[in-house]
């Protein structure tokens, strides 16, 4: 099969892809068309069916696998598929493993690197809390390794939550060396735990969509609830340490308008917010530039609130 990351403008495409999204829309002139997002393990591709009722366009739904034929074009520096034919595939015509977006890094190697930080944390109660999640809870470990870090904004792939968590923890470890006033045990623990609620906020692939719990509560509060569940089984966990850890989780988006129930009141909470924001923004840039076919200015990007340009050197 032709993977999405191999496509270029002008290609004549024939292959099987997962329908991630499907919308029936209308042009300014009143003509109906269908907008699709097709997916394989290397990424997603915008696609349009300009004449949905034409011969060769069969009925299909979101999360169906479809065999499509069409021409790869470019719109606003991004690839787009002009679909000419499409049919729903039968079981056995495709391997589902080819259609789940996955981290470019080895999941087990990343997890081993993350586990190393548990030994760096010296406070015994905090280390016990980390082990209760990342060593002892097999269901949590499986979900954590498999989960994405977001529906679409950044790290929206299998292993994305682990990759993001490891990057944030790496940054926080650097902060601890650069700014010795930071309480290393608190910051590293908060970094490892800051997004654990996403294992329940988002559903498993291929859906990777918000659960009811995610819609109603959100991963920040879910994460604090998960921590509280574990704390009940750790005798004599220091009360102030528990409150400081909860605060770091609750404040890690930085501002109320960004979804944080609290704004950072601790130096460690501020450092966690900066690390989280840094890794998210760098990944947004990486995914944007990797998926762009243009050079020079790429246009205004809402997530980055800026017109973005690809570096030429």
C-alpha atoms as a PDB file:
ATOM      1  CA  UNK A   1       0.000   0.000   0.000  1.00  0.00           C
ATOM      2  CA  UNK A   2       0.986   3.643  -0.430  1.00  0.00           C
ATOM      3  CA  UNK A   3       1.401   5.255   2.975  1.00  0.00           C
ATOM      4  CA  UNK A   4       0.209   8.818   3.383  1.00  0.00           C
ATOM      5  CA  UNK A   5       3.648  10.177   4.248  1.00  0.00           C
ATOM      6  CA  UNK A   6       4.906   8.941   0.850  1.00  0.00           C
ATOM      7  CA  UNK A   7       2.360  10.881  -1.209  1.00  0.00           C
ATOM      8  CA  UNK A   8       3.104  13.974  -3.261  1.00  0.00           C
ATOM      9  CA  UNK A   9       1.115  16.373  -5.376  1.00  0.00           C
ATOM     10  CA  UNK A  10       0.127  14.893  -8.734  1.00  0.00           C
ATOM     11  CA  UNK A  11       0.081  11.248  -7.587  1.00  0.00           C
ATOM     12  CA  UNK A  12      -2.725   9.023  -8.837  1.00  0.00           C
ATOM     13  CA  UNK A  13      -3.732   7.144  -5.705  1.00  0.00           C
ATOM     14  CA  UNK A  14      -5.396   3.766  -5.364  1.00  0.00           C
ATOM     15  CA  UNK A  15      -5.426   2.170  -1.931  1.00  0.00           C
ATOM     16  CA  UNK A  16      -7.231   1.306   1.284  1.00  0.00           C
ATOM     17  CA  UNK A  17      -7.479   3.822   4.135  1.00  0.00           C
ATOM     18  CA  UNK A  18      -9.397   4.270   7.372  1.00  0.00           C
ATOM     19  CA  UNK A  19     -12.121   6.937   7.369  1.00  0.00           C
ATOM     20  CA  UNK A  20     -11.280   8.984  10.460  1.00  0.00           C
ATOM     21  CA  UNK A  21     -13.861  11.735   9.795  1.00  0.00           C
ATOM     22  CA  UNK A  22     -16.716  12.275   7.364  1.00  0.00           C
ATOM     23  CA  UNK A  23     -18.854  15.393   6.913  1.00  0.00           C
ATOM     24  CA  UNK A  24     -21.557  16.287   4.407  1.00  0.00           C
ATOM     25  CA  UNK A  25     -21.082  19.946   3.460  1.00  0.00           C
ATOM     26  CA  UNK A  26     -22.282  22.487   0.910  1.00  0.00           C
ATOM     27  CA  UNK A  27     -20.243  24.807  -1.272  1.00  0.00           C
ATOM     28  CA  UNK A  28     -20.981  28.536  -1.471  1.00  0.00           C
ATOM     29  CA  UNK A  29     -22.798  27.776  -4.694  1.00  0.00           C
ATOM     30  CA  UNK A  30     -25.121  25.326  -2.945  1.00  0.00           C
ATOM     31  CA  UNK A  31     -23.559  22.096  -4.251  1.00  0.00           C
ATOM     32  CA  UNK A  32     -23.296  19.190  -1.817  1.00  0.00           C
ATOM     33  CA  UNK A  33     -19.966  17.447  -1.247  1.00  0.00           C
ATOM     34  CA  UNK A  34     -18.324  15.218   1.360  1.00  0.00           C
ATOM     35  CA  UNK A  35     -15.210  16.091   3.332  1.00  0.00           C
ATOM     36  CA  UNK A  36     -13.159  13.170   4.648  1.00  0.00           C
ATOM     37  CA  UNK A  37     -10.113  12.637   6.785  1.00  0.00           C
ATOM     38  CA  UNK A  38      -8.337   9.446   5.743  1.00  0.00           C
ATOM     39  CA  UNK A  39      -5.799   7.825   8.030  1.00  0.00           C
ATOM     40  CA  UNK A  40      -3.033   5.274   8.073  1.00  0.00           C
ATOM     41  CA  UNK A  41      -0.241   4.701  10.591  1.00  0.00           C
ATOM     42  CA  UNK A  42       1.880   7.491   9.078  1.00  0.00           C
ATOM     43  CA  UNK A  43      -0.677  10.274   9.353  1.00  0.00           C
ATOM     44  CA  UNK A  44      -3.892  11.718   7.939  1.00  0.00           C
ATOM     45  CA  UNK A  45      -4.966  13.039   4.555  1.00  0.00           C
ATOM     46  CA  UNK A  46      -7.732  15.526   3.748  1.00  0.00           C
ATOM     47  CA  UNK A  47     -10.024  14.193   1.006  1.00  0.00           C
ATOM     48  CA  UNK A  48     -13.026  15.539  -0.873  1.00  0.00           C
ATOM     49  CA  UNK A  49     -15.809  13.797  -2.786  1.00  0.00           C
ATOM     50  CA  UNK A  50     -17.147  16.588  -4.959  1.00  0.00           C
ATOM     51  CA  UNK A  51     -19.924  14.482  -6.510  1.00  0.00           C
ATOM     52  CA  UNK A  52     -21.163  12.077  -3.795  1.00  0.00           C
ATOM     53  CA  UNK A  53     -24.003  10.680  -5.905  1.00  0.00           C
ATOM     54  CA  UNK A  54     -21.878   9.714  -8.874  1.00  0.00           C
ATOM     55  CA  UNK A  55     -21.305   6.171 -10.050  1.00  0.00           C
ATOM     56  CA  UNK A  56     -18.426   4.499  -8.226  1.00  0.00           C
ATOM     57  CA  UNK A  57     -19.004   6.224  -4.884  1.00  0.00           C
ATOM     58  CA  UNK A  58     -20.465   3.598  -2.511  1.00  0.00           C
ATOM     59  CA  UNK A  59     -22.024   4.139   0.911  1.00  0.00           C
ATOM     60  CA  UNK A  60     -19.627   4.066   3.874  1.00  0.00           C
ATOM     61  CA  UNK A  61     -19.383   5.471   7.391  1.00  0.00           C
ATOM     62  CA  UNK A  62     -16.810   6.862   9.811  1.00  0.00           C
ATOM     63  CA  UNK A  63     -14.296   4.187  10.921  1.00  0.00           C
ATOM     64  CA  UNK A  64     -14.948   2.105   7.821  1.00  0.00           C
ATOM     65  CA  UNK A  65     -11.998   1.056   5.703  1.00  0.00           C
ATOM     66  CA  UNK A  66     -12.471   2.206   2.105  1.00  0.00           C
ATOM     67  CA  UNK A  67     -10.712   1.457  -1.161  1.00  0.00           C
ATOM     68  CA  UNK A  68     -10.306   4.851  -2.848  1.00  0.00           C
ATOM     69  CA  UNK A  69      -9.123   6.075  -6.224  1.00  0.00           C
ATOM     70  CA  UNK A  70      -8.277   9.692  -6.861  1.00  0.00           C
ATOM     71  CA  UNK A  71      -5.740  12.397  -7.568  1.00  0.00           C
ATOM     72  CA  UNK A  72      -3.499  13.963  -4.930  1.00  0.00           C
ATOM     73  CA  UNK A  73      -3.658  17.751  -5.157  1.00  0.00           C
ATOM     74  CA  UNK A  74      -2.480  20.580  -2.927  1.00  0.00           C
ATOM     75  CA  UNK A  75      -4.616  23.143  -1.098  1.00  0.00           C
ATOM     76  CA  UNK A  76      -3.085  25.877   1.084  1.00  0.00           C
ATOM     77  CA  UNK A  77       0.258  23.990   1.137  1.00  0.00           C
ATOM     78  CA  UNK A  78      -1.367  20.768   2.366  1.00  0.00           C
ATOM     79  CA  UNK A  79      -2.059  17.615   0.382  1.00  0.00           C
ATOM     80  CA  UNK A  80      -5.665  16.852  -0.503  1.00  0.00           C
ATOM     81  CA  UNK A  81      -7.184  13.867  -2.296  1.00  0.00           C
ATOM     82  CA  UNK A  82      -9.805  14.429  -4.994  1.00  0.00           C
ATOM     83  CA  UNK A  83     -11.757  11.163  -4.701  1.00  0.00           C
ATOM     84  CA  UNK A  84     -13.116   9.646  -7.921  1.00  0.00           C
ATOM     85  CA  UNK A  85     -14.154   6.205  -6.650  1.00  0.00           C
ATOM     86  CA  UNK A  86     -14.688   4.764  -3.167  1.00  0.00           C
ATOM     87  CA  UNK A  87     -16.039   1.477  -1.810  1.00  0.00           C
ATOM     88  CA  UNK A  88     -16.313  -0.028   1.654  1.00  0.00           C
ATOM     89  CA  UNK A  89     -13.809  -2.851   2.181  1.00  0.00           C
ATOM     90  CA  UNK A  90     -14.549  -6.310   3.494  1.00  0.00           C
ATOM     91  CA  UNK A  91     -12.820  -7.960   6.451  1.00  0.00           C
ATOM     92  CA  UNK A  92      -9.575  -9.547   5.363  1.00  0.00           C
ATOM     93  CA  UNK A  93      -8.782  -6.944   2.725  1.00  0.00           C
ATOM     94  CA  UNK A  94      -6.683  -4.869   5.133  1.00  0.00           C
ATOM     95  CA  UNK A  95      -4.403  -5.177   8.151  1.00  0.00           C
ATOM     96  CA  UNK A  96      -5.667  -2.867  10.955  1.00  0.00           C
ATOM     97  CA  UNK A  97      -2.086  -2.421  12.208  1.00  0.00           C
ATOM     98  CA  UNK A  98      -1.347  -0.351   9.092  1.00  0.00           C
ATOM     99  CA  UNK A  99      -3.948   2.240  10.034  1.00  0.00           C
ATOM    100  CA  UNK A 100      -3.107   3.221  13.583  1.00  0.00           C
ATOM    101  CA  UNK A 101      -0.795   6.252  13.787  1.00  0.00           C
ATOM    102  CA  UNK A 102       2.154   5.303  15.970  1.00  0.00           C
ATOM    103  CA  UNK A 103       5.084   7.043  17.605  1.00  0.00           C
ATOM    104  CA  UNK A 104       8.322   7.088  15.647  1.00  0.00           C
ATOM    105  CA  UNK A 105      10.061   5.880  18.816  1.00  0.00           C
ATOM    106  CA  UNK A 106      10.045   2.417  20.362  1.00  0.00           C
ATOM    107  CA  UNK A 107       7.364   2.298  23.056  1.00  0.00           C
ATOM    108  CA  UNK A 108       9.177  -0.166  25.325  1.00  0.00           C
ATOM    109  CA  UNK A 109      12.413   1.833  25.143  1.00  0.00           C
ATOM    110  CA  UNK A 110      10.577   5.047  26.005  1.00  0.00           C
ATOM    111  CA  UNK A 111       8.831   3.351  28.908  1.00  0.00           C
ATOM    112  CA  UNK A 112      12.136   2.048  30.270  1.00  0.00           C
ATOM    113  CA  UNK A 113      13.521   5.600  30.147  1.00  0.00           C
ATOM    114  CA  UNK A 114      10.477   6.893  32.026  1.00  0.00           C
ATOM    115  CA  UNK A 115      10.812   4.187  34.696  1.00  0.00           C
ATOM    116  CA  UNK A 116      14.392   5.343  35.308  1.00  0.00           C
ATOM    117  CA  UNK A 117      13.031   8.567  36.799  1.00  0.00           C
ATOM    118  CA  UNK A 118      11.243   6.645  39.543  1.00  0.00           C
ATOM    119  CA  UNK A 119      14.655   5.778  40.996  1.00  0.00           C
ATOM    120  CA  UNK A 120      15.702   9.436  40.743  1.00  0.00           C
ATOM    121  CA  UNK A 121      12.831  10.360  43.076  1.00  0.00           C
ATOM    122  CA  UNK A 122      14.122   9.781  46.617  1.00  0.00           C
ATOM    123  CA  UNK A 123      11.110  10.667  48.796  1.00  0.00           C
ATOM    124  CA  UNK A 124       9.802   7.173  49.703  1.00  0.00           C
ATOM    125  CA  UNK A 125       6.088   7.979  49.679  1.00  0.00           C
ATOM    126  CA  UNK A 126       6.302   9.721  46.318  1.00  0.00           C
ATOM    127  CA  UNK A 127       8.323   6.844  44.880  1.00  0.00           C
ATOM    128  CA  UNK A 128       5.692   4.419  46.149  1.00  0.00           C
ATOM    129  CA  UNK A 129       2.974   6.444  44.455  1.00  0.00           C
ATOM    130  CA  UNK A 130       4.833   6.369  41.134  1.00  0.00           C
ATOM    131  CA  UNK A 131       5.405   2.624  41.415  1.00  0.00           C
ATOM    132  CA  UNK A 132       1.720   2.070  42.137  1.00  0.00           C
ATOM    133  CA  UNK A 133       0.973   3.437  38.669  1.00  0.00           C
ATOM    134  CA  UNK A 134       3.943   2.670  36.446  1.00  0.00           C
ATOM    135  CA  UNK A 135       5.123  -0.664  37.916  1.00  0.00           C
ATOM    136  CA  UNK A 136       2.246  -2.357  39.748  1.00  0.00           C
ATOM    137  CA  UNK A 137      -0.914  -1.408  37.813  1.00  0.00           C
ATOM    138  CA  UNK A 138      -0.888  -3.581  34.683  1.00  0.00           C
ATOM    139  CA  UNK A 139      -4.149  -2.189  33.297  1.00  0.00           C
ATOM    140  CA  UNK A 140      -2.913   1.388  33.679  1.00  0.00           C
ATOM    141  CA  UNK A 141       0.446   0.517  32.091  1.00  0.00           C
ATOM    142  CA  UNK A 142      -1.224  -0.997  29.032  1.00  0.00           C
ATOM    143  CA  UNK A 143      -3.541   1.982  28.593  1.00  0.00           C
ATOM    144  CA  UNK A 144      -0.738   4.496  29.203  1.00  0.00           C
ATOM    145  CA  UNK A 145       1.528   2.917  26.579  1.00  0.00           C
ATOM    146  CA  UNK A 146      -1.258   2.737  24.007  1.00  0.00           C
ATOM    147  CA  UNK A 147      -2.909   6.132  24.557  1.00  0.00           C
ATOM    148  CA  UNK A 148      -2.461   9.325  22.596  1.00  0.00           C
ATOM    149  CA  UNK A 149      -1.783  12.669  24.256  1.00  0.00           C
ATOM    150  CA  UNK A 150      -4.574  14.439  22.379  1.00  0.00           C
ATOM    151  CA  UNK A 151      -7.373  13.905  19.904  1.00  0.00           C
ATOM    152  CA  UNK A 152      -5.639  15.925  17.212  1.00  0.00           C
ATOM    153  CA  UNK A 153      -3.623  18.901  18.524  1.00  0.00           C
ATOM    154  CA  UNK A 154      -0.323  17.159  19.331  1.00  0.00           C
ATOM    155  CA  UNK A 155       0.952  13.610  19.893  1.00  0.00           C
ATOM    156  CA  UNK A 156      -2.322  12.210  18.536  1.00  0.00           C
ATOM    157  CA  UNK A 157      -0.955   8.719  17.938  1.00  0.00           C
ATOM    158  CA  UNK A 158      -0.362   5.395  19.665  1.00  0.00           C
ATOM    159  CA  UNK A 159       2.395   5.973  22.205  1.00  0.00           C
ATOM    160  CA  UNK A 160       1.820   9.718  22.049  1.00  0.00           C
ATOM    161  CA  UNK A 161       0.966  10.059  25.733  1.00  0.00           C
ATOM    162  CA  UNK A 162       4.130   8.179  26.707  1.00  0.00           C
ATOM    163  CA  UNK A 163       6.274  10.170  24.271  1.00  0.00           C
ATOM    164  CA  UNK A 164       4.893  13.483  25.547  1.00  0.00           C
ATOM    165  CA  UNK A 165       5.220  12.481  29.207  1.00  0.00           C
ATOM    166  CA  UNK A 166       8.827  11.394  28.734  1.00  0.00           C
ATOM    167  CA  UNK A 167       9.687  14.655  26.945  1.00  0.00           C
ATOM    168  CA  UNK A 168       8.093  16.750  29.681  1.00  0.00           C
ATOM    169  CA  UNK A 169       9.898  14.739  32.367  1.00  0.00           C
ATOM    170  CA  UNK A 170      13.214  15.153  30.522  1.00  0.00           C
ATOM    171  CA  UNK A 171      12.684  18.910  30.400  1.00  0.00           C
ATOM    172  CA  UNK A 172      11.785  19.034  34.091  1.00  0.00           C
ATOM    173  CA  UNK A 173      14.915  17.060  34.954  1.00  0.00           C
ATOM    174  CA  UNK A 174      16.944  19.688  33.092  1.00  0.00           C
ATOM    175  CA  UNK A 175      15.113  22.453  34.946  1.00  0.00           C
ATOM    176  CA  UNK A 176      16.073  20.850  38.253  1.00  0.00           C
ATOM    177  CA  UNK A 177      19.750  21.039  37.307  1.00  0.00           C
ATOM    178  CA  UNK A 178      19.490  24.588  35.946  1.00  0.00           C
ATOM    179  CA  UNK A 179      17.396  25.889  38.854  1.00  0.00           C
ATOM    180  CA  UNK A 180      18.443  24.077  42.061  1.00  0.00           C
ATOM    181  CA  UNK A 181      15.671  25.770  44.080  1.00  0.00           C
ATOM    182  CA  UNK A 182      13.183  23.430  42.444  1.00  0.00           C
ATOM    183  CA  UNK A 183      12.096  20.457  44.549  1.00  0.00           C
ATOM    184  CA  UNK A 184      13.193  17.646  42.265  1.00  0.00           C
ATOM    185  CA  UNK A 185      11.078  14.878  43.773  1.00  0.00           C
ATOM    186  CA  UNK A 186       7.899  16.943  43.475  1.00  0.00           C
ATOM    187  CA  UNK A 187       8.558  18.221  39.948  1.00  0.00           C
ATOM    188  CA  UNK A 188       9.617  14.896  38.443  1.00  0.00           C
ATOM    189  CA  UNK A 189       6.668  13.122  40.038  1.00  0.00           C
ATOM    190  CA  UNK A 190       4.254  15.767  38.780  1.00  0.00           C
ATOM    191  CA  UNK A 191       5.788  15.544  35.306  1.00  0.00           C
ATOM    192  CA  UNK A 192       5.287  11.787  35.158  1.00  0.00           C
ATOM    193  CA  UNK A 193       1.718  12.038  36.456  1.00  0.00           C
ATOM    194  CA  UNK A 194       0.497  15.268  34.874  1.00  0.00           C
ATOM    195  CA  UNK A 195      -1.458  13.697  31.995  1.00  0.00           C
ATOM    196  CA  UNK A 196      -2.437  10.281  33.380  1.00  0.00           C
ATOM    197  CA  UNK A 197      -6.077  11.359  33.209  1.00  0.00           C
ATOM    198  CA  UNK A 198      -5.869  11.153  29.426  1.00  0.00           C
ATOM    199  CA  UNK A 199      -5.976   7.365  29.709  1.00  0.00           C
ATOM    200  CA  UNK A 200      -9.637   7.870  30.647  1.00  0.00           C
ATOM    201  CA  UNK A 201     -10.368  11.154  28.853  1.00  0.00           C
ATOM    202  CA  UNK A 202      -9.772   9.660  25.388  1.00  0.00           C
ATOM    203  CA  UNK A 203     -11.049   6.384  23.972  1.00  0.00           C
ATOM    204  CA  UNK A 204      -8.784   3.752  22.479  1.00  0.00           C
ATOM    205  CA  UNK A 205      -7.741   3.784  18.846  1.00  0.00           C
ATOM    206  CA  UNK A 206      -9.033   3.832  16.180  1.00  0.00           C
ATOM    207  CA  UNK A 207     -11.696   6.085  17.757  1.00  0.00           C
ATOM    208  CA  UNK A 208      -9.325   8.270  19.828  1.00  0.00           C
ATOM    209  CA  UNK A 209     -12.229  10.522  20.767  1.00  0.00           C
ATOM    210  CA  UNK A 210     -13.457  12.037  24.009  1.00  0.00           C
ATOM    211  CA  UNK A 211     -15.218   9.675  26.405  1.00  0.00           C
ATOM    212  CA  UNK A 212     -18.236  10.805  28.420  1.00  0.00           C
ATOM    213  CA  UNK A 213     -15.930  11.144  31.428  1.00  0.00           C
ATOM    214  CA  UNK A 214     -13.538  13.196  29.346  1.00  0.00           C
ATOM    215  CA  UNK A 215     -16.293  15.508  28.142  1.00  0.00           C
ATOM    216  CA  UNK A 216     -17.839  16.000  31.582  1.00  0.00           C
ATOM    217  CA  UNK A 217     -14.713  16.187  33.758  1.00  0.00           C
ATOM    218  CA  UNK A 218     -11.524  16.436  31.667  1.00  0.00           C
ATOM    219  CA  UNK A 219      -8.119  14.865  32.106  1.00  0.00           C
ATOM    220  CA  UNK A 220      -6.799  17.324  34.705  1.00  0.00           C
ATOM    221  CA  UNK A 221      -9.461  16.558  37.311  1.00  0.00           C
ATOM    222  CA  UNK A 222      -9.555  12.876  36.311  1.00  0.00           C
ATOM    223  CA  UNK A 223      -5.800  12.710  36.946  1.00  0.00           C
ATOM    224  CA  UNK A 224      -6.159  14.158  40.444  1.00  0.00           C
ATOM    225  CA  UNK A 225      -8.938  11.654  41.178  1.00  0.00           C
ATOM    226  CA  UNK A 226      -6.681   8.798  40.009  1.00  0.00           C
ATOM    227  CA  UNK A 227      -3.894  10.033  42.288  1.00  0.00           C
ATOM    228  CA  UNK A 228      -6.279  10.277  45.239  1.00  0.00           C
ATOM    229  CA  UNK A 229      -7.379   6.678  44.640  1.00  0.00           C
ATOM    230  CA  UNK A 230      -3.764   5.498  44.944  1.00  0.00           C
ATOM    231  CA  UNK A 231      -3.003   7.728  47.940  1.00  0.00           C
ATOM    232  CA  UNK A 232      -5.661   5.953  49.996  1.00  0.00           C
ATOM    233  CA  UNK A 233      -3.495   2.831  49.885  1.00  0.00           C
ATOM    234  CA  UNK A 234      -0.241   4.562  50.937  1.00  0.00           C
ATOM    235  CA  UNK A 235      -0.091   4.935  54.729  1.00  0.00           C
ATOM    236  CA  UNK A 236       1.192   8.218  56.174  1.00  0.00           C
ATOM    237  CA  UNK A 237       1.613   9.963  52.825  1.00  0.00           C
ATOM    238  CA  UNK A 238       2.603  13.535  53.824  1.00  0.00           C
ATOM    239  CA  UNK A 239      -0.486  15.735  53.589  1.00  0.00           C
ATOM    240  CA  UNK A 240       1.340  18.843  52.363  1.00  0.00           C
ATOM    241  CA  UNK A 241       3.242  16.860  49.734  1.00  0.00           C
ATOM    242  CA  UNK A 242      -0.039  15.431  48.461  1.00  0.00           C
ATOM    243  CA  UNK A 243      -1.561  18.925  48.216  1.00  0.00           C
ATOM    244  CA  UNK A 244       1.496  20.276  46.392  1.00  0.00           C
ATOM    245  CA  UNK A 245       1.361  17.390  43.922  1.00  0.00           C
ATOM    246  CA  UNK A 246      -2.359  17.893  43.320  1.00  0.00           C
ATOM    247  CA  UNK A 247      -1.736  21.592  42.774  1.00  0.00           C
ATOM    248  CA  UNK A 248       0.937  20.925  40.139  1.00  0.00           C
ATOM    249  CA  UNK A 249      -1.482  18.685  38.233  1.00  0.00           C
ATOM    250  CA  UNK A 250      -4.378  21.143  38.544  1.00  0.00           C
ATOM    251  CA  UNK A 251      -2.232  24.082  37.385  1.00  0.00           C
ATOM    252  CA  UNK A 252      -0.242  22.479  34.582  1.00  0.00           C
ATOM    253  CA  UNK A 253      -2.159  24.261  31.791  1.00  0.00           C
ATOM    254  CA  UNK A 254      -1.063  27.529  33.335  1.00  0.00           C
ATOM    255  CA  UNK A 255      -4.131  29.706  32.977  1.00  0.00           C
ATOM    256  CA  UNK A 256      -7.820  29.379  33.743  1.00  0.00           C
ATOM    257  CA  UNK A 257      -8.740  30.085  30.123  1.00  0.00           C
ATOM    258  CA  UNK A 258      -6.538  27.183  29.042  1.00  0.00           C
ATOM    259  CA  UNK A 259      -8.447  24.737  31.225  1.00  0.00           C
ATOM    260  CA  UNK A 260      -6.451  24.876  34.463  1.00  0.00           C
ATOM    261  CA  UNK A 261      -8.658  24.867  37.578  1.00  0.00           C
ATOM    262  CA  UNK A 262      -5.797  26.726  39.290  1.00  0.00           C
ATOM    263  CA  UNK A 263      -2.953  28.971  38.177  1.00  0.00           C
ATOM    264  CA  UNK A 264       0.580  28.000  39.294  1.00  0.00           C
ATOM    265  CA  UNK A 265       1.299  29.041  42.880  1.00  0.00           C
ATOM    266  CA  UNK A 266       4.436  26.905  43.245  1.00  0.00           C
ATOM    267  CA  UNK A 267       7.708  27.229  41.353  1.00  0.00           C
ATOM    268  CA  UNK A 268       7.396  23.549  40.485  1.00  0.00           C
ATOM    269  CA  UNK A 269       3.892  24.064  39.069  1.00  0.00           C
ATOM    270  CA  UNK A 270       5.188  26.913  36.893  1.00  0.00           C
ATOM    271  CA  UNK A 271       8.084  24.747  35.672  1.00  0.00           C
ATOM    272  CA  UNK A 272       5.702  21.906  34.817  1.00  0.00           C
ATOM    273  CA  UNK A 273       3.479  24.283  32.848  1.00  0.00           C
ATOM    274  CA  UNK A 274       6.466  25.597  30.889  1.00  0.00           C
ATOM    275  CA  UNK A 275       7.722  22.083  30.097  1.00  0.00           C
ATOM    276  CA  UNK A 276       4.261  20.903  29.048  1.00  0.00           C
ATOM    277  CA  UNK A 277       3.737  23.954  26.854  1.00  0.00           C
ATOM    278  CA  UNK A 278       7.194  23.685  25.295  1.00  0.00           C
ATOM    279  CA  UNK A 279       6.805  20.067  24.256  1.00  0.00           C
ATOM    280  CA  UNK A 280       3.263  20.580  22.964  1.00  0.00           C
ATOM    281  CA  UNK A 281       4.288  23.561  20.821  1.00  0.00           C
ATOM    282  CA  UNK A 282       7.402  21.877  19.438  1.00  0.00           C
ATOM    283  CA  UNK A 283       5.329  18.841  18.463  1.00  0.00           C
ATOM    284  CA  UNK A 284       2.708  21.050  16.785  1.00  0.00           C
ATOM    285  CA  UNK A 285       5.499  22.623  14.730  1.00  0.00           C
ATOM    286  CA  UNK A 286       7.024  19.218  13.957  1.00  0.00           C
ATOM    287  CA  UNK A 287       3.754  17.724  12.740  1.00  0.00           C
ATOM    288  CA  UNK A 288       2.870  20.836  10.747  1.00  0.00           C
ATOM    289  CA  UNK A 289       6.227  21.043   8.972  1.00  0.00           C
ATOM    290  CA  UNK A 290       6.432  17.297   8.387  1.00  0.00           C
ATOM    291  CA  UNK A 291       3.026  17.319   6.710  1.00  0.00           C
ATOM    292  CA  UNK A 292       3.601  20.401   4.567  1.00  0.00           C
ATOM    293  CA  UNK A 293       4.495  20.255   0.900  1.00  0.00           C
ATOM    294  CA  UNK A 294       5.183  23.969   0.585  1.00  0.00           C
ATOM    295  CA  UNK A 295       8.236  26.122   1.156  1.00  0.00           C
ATOM    296  CA  UNK A 296       8.552  29.569   2.626  1.00  0.00           C
ATOM    297  CA  UNK A 297       5.486  30.935   4.393  1.00  0.00           C
ATOM    298  CA  UNK A 298       2.867  28.262   5.078  1.00  0.00           C
ATOM    299  CA  UNK A 299      -0.002  30.509   6.146  1.00  0.00           C
ATOM    300  CA  UNK A 300      -1.662  31.408   9.435  1.00  0.00           C
ATOM    301  CA  UNK A 301      -1.903  28.521  11.904  1.00  0.00           C
ATOM    302  CA  UNK A 302      -4.641  28.870  14.503  1.00  0.00           C
ATOM    303  CA  UNK A 303      -2.975  26.609  17.060  1.00  0.00           C
ATOM    304  CA  UNK A 304       0.217  28.672  16.948  1.00  0.00           C
ATOM    305  CA  UNK A 305      -1.522  32.024  16.425  1.00  0.00           C
ATOM    306  CA  UNK A 306       1.028  32.961  13.791  1.00  0.00           C
ATOM    307  CA  UNK A 307       1.877  32.790  10.122  1.00  0.00           C
ATOM    308  CA  UNK A 308       4.445  29.974   9.987  1.00  0.00           C
ATOM    309  CA  UNK A 309       7.497  29.597   7.780  1.00  0.00           C
ATOM    310  CA  UNK A 310       9.635  26.524   7.157  1.00  0.00           C
ATOM    311  CA  UNK A 311      13.350  27.112   7.820  1.00  0.00           C
ATOM    312  CA  UNK A 312      15.371  27.026   4.596  1.00  0.00           C
ATOM    313  CA  UNK A 313      18.779  26.013   5.976  1.00  0.00           C
END
